[in-house]
Amino acid sequence: MDKRTLARRGFVFLIFSSIFHDSIDDEYIDLFIDNFEYSDVKKSILDYYNDYRLKVNEVDEKISENLKNWSIERLHKLDLSILRVGVYEVFFKDSVPNEVAVNEAVEFAKIYSSEDSSKLINGILGTIIRSLK
């Protein structure tokens, strides 16, 4: 796994973890990175997560706007975490091509969630990207 994918995976699981904790401080992040062997990509994960924290409401708004007959609260928490990373990258990481953000999100869903989840994530991110054109 290349370093960008590893950092992205760490970012997904840090967001997933944050859903179940009231606050994620620097000490928690350090423990997370050390325990899950992300030390090679620690700076990337920290940069992503610290910026993401400032934009989480915008990210969730974009997700909610593109859910048809569904609410963000009903999404599986891992799927929500993967979507948050994908949407964050589409809107706030110009260095990541949209196709890469979508592909990585779909691949993570296939590996860590379900085939149905990968289809849902692909559909939502695809709709978001088409709306940008």
C-alpha atoms as a PDB file:
ATOM      1  CA  MET A   1       0.000   0.000   0.000  1.00  0.00           C
ATOM      2  CA  ASP A   2       1.464   3.357  -0.977  1.00  0.00           C
ATOM      3  CA  LYS A   3       1.836   6.118   1.600  1.00  0.00           C
ATOM      4  CA  ARG A   4      -1.077   8.221   0.296  1.00  0.00           C
ATOM      5  CA  THR A   5      -3.452   5.281   0.503  1.00  0.00           C
ATOM      6  CA  LEU A   6      -2.133   4.365   3.940  1.00  0.00           C
ATOM      7  CA  ALA A   7      -2.634   7.953   5.155  1.00  0.00           C
ATOM      8  CA  ARG A   8      -6.121   8.025   3.662  1.00  0.00           C
ATOM      9  CA  ARG A   9      -6.988   4.742   5.382  1.00  0.00           C
ATOM     10  CA  GLY A  10      -5.701   6.128   8.689  1.00  0.00           C
ATOM     11  CA  PHE A  11      -7.791   9.250   8.144  1.00  0.00           C
ATOM     12  CA  VAL A  12     -10.913   7.141   7.503  1.00  0.00           C
ATOM     13  CA  PHE A  13     -10.407   5.146  10.684  1.00  0.00           C
ATOM     14  CA  LEU A  14      -9.583   8.216  12.758  1.00  0.00           C
ATOM     15  CA  ILE A  15     -12.842   9.820  11.600  1.00  0.00           C
ATOM     16  CA  PHE A  16     -14.643   6.546  12.352  1.00  0.00           C
ATOM     17  CA  SER A  17     -13.120   6.507  15.835  1.00  0.00           C
ATOM     18  CA  SER A  18     -14.090  10.143  16.415  1.00  0.00           C
ATOM     19  CA  ILE A  19     -17.772   9.249  15.942  1.00  0.00           C
ATOM     20  CA  PHE A  20     -17.620   7.283  19.190  1.00  0.00           C
ATOM     21  CA  HIS A  21     -15.646   9.778  21.282  1.00  0.00           C
ATOM     22  CA  ASP A  22     -16.754  13.191  22.500  1.00  0.00           C
ATOM     23  CA  SER A  23     -13.403  14.736  21.757  1.00  0.00           C
ATOM     24  CA  ILE A  24     -10.264  13.669  19.978  1.00  0.00           C
ATOM     25  CA  ASP A  25      -7.197  15.409  21.344  1.00  0.00           C
ATOM     26  CA  ASP A  26      -3.562  15.258  20.262  1.00  0.00           C
ATOM     27  CA  GLU A  27      -2.773  12.542  22.800  1.00  0.00           C
ATOM     28  CA  TYR A  28      -5.565  10.335  21.413  1.00  0.00           C
ATOM     29  CA  ILE A  29      -4.353  10.909  17.857  1.00  0.00           C
ATOM     30  CA  ASP A  30      -0.786  10.014  18.841  1.00  0.00           C
ATOM     31  CA  LEU A  31      -1.984   6.782  20.461  1.00  0.00           C
ATOM     32  CA  PHE A  32      -4.149   5.974  17.448  1.00  0.00           C
ATOM     33  CA  ILE A  33      -1.264   6.501  15.027  1.00  0.00           C
ATOM     34  CA  ASP A  34       1.204   4.536  17.161  1.00  0.00           C
ATOM     35  CA  ASN A  35      -1.170   1.635  17.866  1.00  0.00           C
ATOM     36  CA  PHE A  36      -2.216   1.207  14.257  1.00  0.00           C
ATOM     37  CA  GLU A  37       1.263   1.623  12.805  1.00  0.00           C
ATOM     38  CA  TYR A  38       0.646   4.834  10.898  1.00  0.00           C
ATOM     39  CA  SER A  39       3.842   6.519  12.087  1.00  0.00           C
ATOM     40  CA  ASP A  40       5.223   6.704   8.514  1.00  0.00           C
ATOM     41  CA  VAL A  41       2.252   8.875   7.517  1.00  0.00           C
ATOM     42  CA  LYS A  42       1.582  10.647  10.810  1.00  0.00           C
ATOM     43  CA  LYS A  43       2.066  14.154   9.411  1.00  0.00           C
ATOM     44  CA  SER A  44      -0.341  13.500   6.538  1.00  0.00           C
ATOM     45  CA  ILE A  45      -3.016  12.122   8.866  1.00  0.00           C
ATOM     46  CA  LEU A  46      -2.599  15.027  11.295  1.00  0.00           C
ATOM     47  CA  ASP A  47      -2.741  17.624   8.503  1.00  0.00           C
ATOM     48  CA  TYR A  48      -5.858  16.048   7.025  1.00  0.00           C
ATOM     49  CA  TYR A  49      -7.622  15.568  10.341  1.00  0.00           C
ATOM     50  CA  ASN A  50      -6.863  19.026  11.728  1.00  0.00           C
ATOM     51  CA  ASP A  51      -8.151  20.671   8.545  1.00  0.00           C
ATOM     52  CA  TYR A  52     -11.137  18.309   8.359  1.00  0.00           C
ATOM     53  CA  ARG A  53     -12.212  19.241  11.916  1.00  0.00           C
ATOM     54  CA  LEU A  54     -12.705  22.812  10.725  1.00  0.00           C
ATOM     55  CA  LYS A  55     -14.810  21.695   7.776  1.00  0.00           C
ATOM     56  CA  VAL A  56     -16.821  18.754   9.128  1.00  0.00           C
ATOM     57  CA  ASN A  57     -20.112  20.680   9.056  1.00  0.00           C
ATOM     58  CA  GLU A  58     -19.610  21.638   5.408  1.00  0.00           C
ATOM     59  CA  VAL A  59     -18.674  18.058   4.545  1.00  0.00           C
ATOM     60  CA  ASP A  60     -21.755  16.658   6.281  1.00  0.00           C
ATOM     61  CA  GLU A  61     -23.955  19.249   4.604  1.00  0.00           C
ATOM     62  CA  LYS A  62     -22.697  18.152   1.166  1.00  0.00           C
ATOM     63  CA  ILE A  63     -23.364  14.524   2.052  1.00  0.00           C
ATOM     64  CA  SER A  64     -26.852  15.281   3.382  1.00  0.00           C
ATOM     65  CA  GLU A  65     -27.754  17.305   0.292  1.00  0.00           C
ATOM     66  CA  ASN A  66     -26.999  14.287  -1.877  1.00  0.00           C
ATOM     67  CA  LEU A  67     -28.787  11.556   0.050  1.00  0.00           C
ATOM     68  CA  LYS A  68     -32.056  10.606  -1.589  1.00  0.00           C
ATOM     69  CA  ASN A  69     -34.783   9.504   0.832  1.00  0.00           C
ATOM     70  CA  TRP A  70     -32.164   8.902   3.494  1.00  0.00           C
ATOM     71  CA  SER A  71     -30.587  10.827   6.364  1.00  0.00           C
ATOM     72  CA  ILE A  72     -26.957  11.067   7.365  1.00  0.00           C
ATOM     73  CA  GLU A  73     -27.841   9.625  10.794  1.00  0.00           C
ATOM     74  CA  ARG A  74     -29.017   6.391   9.169  1.00  0.00           C
ATOM     75  CA  LEU A  75     -25.761   5.747   7.318  1.00  0.00           C
ATOM     76  CA  HIS A  76     -23.536   2.982   8.602  1.00  0.00           C
ATOM     77  CA  LYS A  77     -20.826   4.769  10.600  1.00  0.00           C
ATOM     78  CA  LEU A  78     -17.972   3.299   8.578  1.00  0.00           C
ATOM     79  CA  ASP A  79     -19.687   4.273   5.318  1.00  0.00           C
ATOM     80  CA  LEU A  80     -20.178   7.770   6.705  1.00  0.00           C
ATOM     81  CA  SER A  81     -16.480   7.948   7.587  1.00  0.00           C
ATOM     82  CA  ILE A  82     -15.460   6.856   4.086  1.00  0.00           C
ATOM     83  CA  LEU A  83     -17.875   9.360   2.540  1.00  0.00           C
ATOM     84  CA  ARG A  84     -16.550  12.141   4.742  1.00  0.00           C
ATOM     85  CA  VAL A  85     -13.022  11.508   3.496  1.00  0.00           C
ATOM     86  CA  GLY A  86     -14.154  11.378  -0.129  1.00  0.00           C
ATOM     87  CA  VAL A  87     -16.215  14.556   0.114  1.00  0.00           C
ATOM     88  CA  TYR A  88     -13.456  16.332   2.047  1.00  0.00           C
ATOM     89  CA  GLU A  89     -10.964  15.476  -0.688  1.00  0.00           C
ATOM     90  CA  VAL A  90     -13.296  16.529  -3.504  1.00  0.00           C
ATOM     91  CA  PHE A  91     -13.989  19.942  -1.993  1.00  0.00           C
ATOM     92  CA  PHE A  92     -10.865  20.792  -0.026  1.00  0.00           C
ATOM     93  CA  LYS A  93      -7.866  18.889  -1.411  1.00  0.00           C
ATOM     94  CA  ASP A  94      -6.995  20.265  -4.830  1.00  0.00           C
ATOM     95  CA  SER A  95      -3.956  17.991  -4.926  1.00  0.00           C
ATOM     96  CA  VAL A  96      -6.248  14.936  -5.064  1.00  0.00           C
ATOM     97  CA  PRO A  97      -8.030  14.402  -8.396  1.00  0.00           C
ATOM     98  CA  ASN A  98     -11.745  13.738  -7.938  1.00  0.00           C
ATOM     99  CA  GLU A  99     -11.425  10.384  -9.692  1.00  0.00           C
ATOM    100  CA  VAL A 100      -8.805   9.297  -7.154  1.00  0.00           C
ATOM    101  CA  ALA A 101     -10.962  10.414  -4.214  1.00  0.00           C
ATOM    102  CA  VAL A 102     -13.917   8.416  -5.549  1.00  0.00           C
ATOM    103  CA  ASN A 103     -11.879   5.356  -6.474  1.00  0.00           C
ATOM    104  CA  GLU A 104     -10.171   5.184  -3.081  1.00  0.00           C
ATOM    105  CA  ALA A 105     -13.481   5.636  -1.238  1.00  0.00           C
ATOM    106  CA  VAL A 106     -15.121   2.870  -3.270  1.00  0.00           C
ATOM    107  CA  GLU A 107     -12.145   0.539  -2.748  1.00  0.00           C
ATOM    108  CA  PHE A 108     -12.189   1.158   1.016  1.00  0.00           C
ATOM    109  CA  ALA A 109     -15.905   0.370   1.086  1.00  0.00           C
ATOM    110  CA  LYS A 110     -15.321  -2.877  -0.822  1.00  0.00           C
ATOM    111  CA  ILE A 111     -12.527  -3.910   1.557  1.00  0.00           C
ATOM    112  CA  TYR A 112     -13.901  -2.721   4.889  1.00  0.00           C
ATOM    113  CA  SER A 113     -17.652  -2.514   4.388  1.00  0.00           C
ATOM    114  CA  SER A 114     -19.958  -4.171   1.850  1.00  0.00           C
ATOM    115  CA  GLU A 115     -20.536  -4.280  -1.876  1.00  0.00           C
ATOM    116  CA  ASP A 116     -23.789  -2.383  -1.367  1.00  0.00           C
ATOM    117  CA  SER A 117     -21.850   0.250   0.570  1.00  0.00           C
ATOM    118  CA  SER A 118     -19.394   0.674  -2.280  1.00  0.00           C
ATOM    119  CA  LYS A 119     -22.293   1.245  -4.692  1.00  0.00           C
ATOM    120  CA  LEU A 120     -23.883   3.787  -2.340  1.00  0.00           C
ATOM    121  CA  ILE A 121     -20.603   5.650  -1.862  1.00  0.00           C
ATOM    122  CA  ASN A 122     -19.877   5.628  -5.593  1.00  0.00           C
ATOM    123  CA  GLY A 123     -23.369   6.969  -6.321  1.00  0.00           C
ATOM    124  CA  ILE A 124     -23.226   9.773  -3.775  1.00  0.00           C
ATOM    125  CA  LEU A 125     -19.719  10.895  -4.725  1.00  0.00           C
ATOM    126  CA  GLY A 126     -20.570  10.625  -8.432  1.00  0.00           C
ATOM    127  CA  THR A 127     -23.637  12.826  -7.943  1.00  0.00           C
ATOM    128  CA  ILE A 128     -21.582  15.373  -6.043  1.00  0.00           C
ATOM    129  CA  ILE A 129     -18.893  15.516  -8.720  1.00  0.00           C
ATOM    130  CA  ARG A 130     -21.434  15.821 -11.547  1.00  0.00           C
ATOM    131  CA  SER A 131     -23.041  18.753  -9.714  1.00  0.00           C
ATOM    132  CA  LEU A 132     -19.706  20.594  -9.792  1.00  0.00           C
ATOM    133  CA  LYS A 133     -19.563  20.695 -13.600  1.00  0.00           C
END
